[in-house]
N, C-alpha and C. Protein backbone atom coordinates (compact mmCIF):
# COMPACT_ATOMS: atom_id res chain seq x y z
N MET A 1 0.84 -1.26 0.02
CA MET A 1 0.12 0.02 0.03
C MET A 1 0.93 1.36 0.04
N GLY A 2 0.17 2.35 0.01
CA GLY A 2 1.05 3.54 0.03
C GLY A 2 1.21 4.21 -1.41
N ALA A 3 0.98 3.49 -2.44
CA ALA A 3 1.18 4.01 -3.77
C ALA A 3 0.04 4.99 -4.28
N VAL A 4 -0.97 4.79 -3.59
CA VAL A 4 -2.18 5.87 -3.92
C VAL A 4 -2.34 6.62 -2.71
N PRO A 5 -2.45 8.04 -2.99
CA PRO A 5 -2.80 8.72 -1.79
C PRO A 5 -4.00 8.67 -1.00
N GLY A 6 -3.92 8.24 0.40
CA GLY A 6 -5.05 7.92 1.07
C GLY A 6 -5.29 6.53 1.19
N ALA A 7 -4.69 5.68 0.43
CA ALA A 7 -5.06 4.29 0.34
C ALA A 7 -4.50 3.45 1.57
N ASP A 8 -3.43 4.07 2.25
CA ASP A 8 -3.04 3.39 3.50
C ASP A 8 -3.56 3.99 4.62
N PRO A 9 -4.33 3.17 5.42
CA PRO A 9 -5.14 3.85 6.55
C PRO A 9 -4.22 4.22 7.56
N TYR A 10 -3.02 3.92 7.66
CA TYR A 10 -2.02 4.42 8.67
C TYR A 10 -1.20 5.48 8.33
N ALA A 11 -1.36 6.03 7.17
CA ALA A 11 -0.69 7.23 6.50
C ALA A 11 -1.51 8.42 6.98
N PRO A 12 -0.67 9.50 7.04
CA PRO A 12 -1.64 10.91 7.51
C PRO A 12 -2.48 10.93 6.07
N GLN A 13 -3.67 11.43 6.35
CA GLN A 13 -4.50 11.91 5.10
C GLN A 13 -4.16 13.18 4.77
N MET A 14 -4.16 13.29 3.16
CA MET A 14 -3.85 14.54 2.73
C MET A 14 -5.19 15.42 2.64
N THR A 15 -5.07 16.76 2.69
CA THR A 15 -6.12 17.49 2.38
C THR A 15 -6.43 17.49 0.97
N ARG A 16 -7.55 18.18 0.50
CA ARG A 16 -7.91 18.20 -1.00
C ARG A 16 -6.77 18.94 -1.58
N GLU A 17 -6.37 20.12 -1.16
CA GLU A 17 -5.38 20.83 -1.76
C GLU A 17 -4.12 20.12 -1.93
N GLN A 18 -3.59 19.45 -0.89
CA GLN A 18 -2.50 18.61 -0.96
C GLN A 18 -2.51 17.62 -2.05
N GLU A 19 -3.61 16.79 -2.13
CA GLU A 19 -3.86 15.83 -3.06
C GLU A 19 -3.83 16.55 -4.66
N LEU A 20 -4.41 17.56 -4.70
CA LEU A 20 -4.39 18.15 -6.01
C LEU A 20 -2.76 18.72 -6.42
N ASP A 21 -2.08 19.18 -5.40
CA ASP A 21 -0.81 19.53 -5.77
C ASP A 21 0.01 18.33 -6.15
N PHE A 22 -0.27 17.13 -5.24
CA PHE A 22 0.56 16.08 -5.42
C PHE A 22 0.24 15.47 -6.97
N LEU A 23 -1.20 15.36 -7.18
CA LEU A 23 -1.35 14.89 -8.55
C LEU A 23 -0.95 15.71 -9.57
N ARG A 24 -0.91 17.12 -9.57
CA ARG A 24 -0.47 17.97 -10.56
C ARG A 24 0.92 17.73 -10.74
N ASN A 25 1.81 17.55 -9.68
CA ASN A 25 3.10 17.22 -9.75
C ASN A 25 3.42 15.96 -10.49
N GLN A 26 2.64 14.95 -10.03
CA GLN A 26 2.80 13.55 -10.70
C GLN A 26 2.46 13.64 -12.16
N ALA A 27 1.42 14.35 -12.69
CA ALA A 27 1.03 14.63 -14.15
C ALA A 27 2.36 15.27 -14.75
N GLY A 28 2.91 16.39 -14.24
CA GLY A 28 3.87 16.98 -14.82
C GLY A 28 5.14 16.12 -15.07
N ALA A 29 5.47 15.22 -13.97
CA ALA A 29 6.54 14.38 -14.06
C ALA A 29 6.23 13.42 -15.08
N LEU A 30 5.20 12.98 -15.45
CA LEU A 30 4.80 11.77 -16.35
C LEU A 30 4.86 12.55 -17.47
N GLU A 31 4.41 13.64 -17.94
CA GLU A 31 4.40 14.39 -19.08
C GLU A 31 5.80 14.51 -19.60
N SER A 32 6.80 15.00 -18.58
CA SER A 32 8.15 15.09 -18.88
C SER A 32 9.07 13.71 -19.41
N GLU A 33 8.40 12.84 -18.69
CA GLU A 33 8.85 11.45 -19.03
C GLU A 33 8.51 11.00 -20.40
N LEU A 34 7.27 11.39 -20.72
CA LEU A 34 6.54 10.96 -21.85
C LEU A 34 7.37 11.62 -23.12
N ASP A 35 7.63 12.95 -22.89
CA ASP A 35 8.27 13.73 -23.79
C ASP A 35 9.69 13.19 -24.15
N VAL A 36 10.44 12.74 -23.15
CA VAL A 36 11.71 12.10 -23.49
C VAL A 36 11.53 10.88 -24.21
N ILE A 37 10.63 10.11 -23.79
CA ILE A 37 10.25 8.82 -24.73
C ILE A 37 10.04 8.98 -26.08
N MET A 38 9.17 10.03 -26.27
CA MET A 38 8.57 10.32 -27.71
C MET A 38 9.84 10.84 -28.42
N LYS A 39 10.67 11.76 -27.86
CA LYS A 39 11.87 12.29 -28.56
C LYS A 39 12.86 11.18 -28.93
N ARG A 40 12.94 10.15 -27.98
CA ARG A 40 13.91 9.02 -28.33
C ARG A 40 13.35 8.13 -29.49
N LEU A 41 12.12 7.81 -29.50
CA LEU A 41 11.29 7.18 -30.50
C LEU A 41 11.58 7.78 -31.72
N GLU A 42 11.38 9.20 -31.97
CA GLU A 42 11.67 9.79 -33.07
C GLU A 42 13.13 9.67 -33.70
N GLU A 43 14.07 9.73 -32.66
CA GLU A 43 15.46 9.58 -33.13
C GLU A 43 15.69 8.12 -33.51
N LEU A 44 15.03 7.29 -33.03
CA LEU A 44 15.35 5.75 -33.61
C LEU A 44 14.54 5.57 -34.86
N ARG A 45 13.62 6.34 -35.29
CA ARG A 45 12.96 6.09 -36.47
C ARG A 45 13.74 6.70 -37.54
N LYS A 46 14.55 7.62 -37.39
CA LYS A 46 15.17 8.24 -38.50
C LYS A 46 16.27 7.31 -39.05
């Protein structure tokens, strides 16, 4: 457990704003990773 915010009953619960910030940060990180992957795919296709 612990991979999903609020899923672990023993972990401190996040406020709504904290969860929004967490999810926005996660989305930004995933977008950055996807951008790197897409650029590498384009390089390999050449």
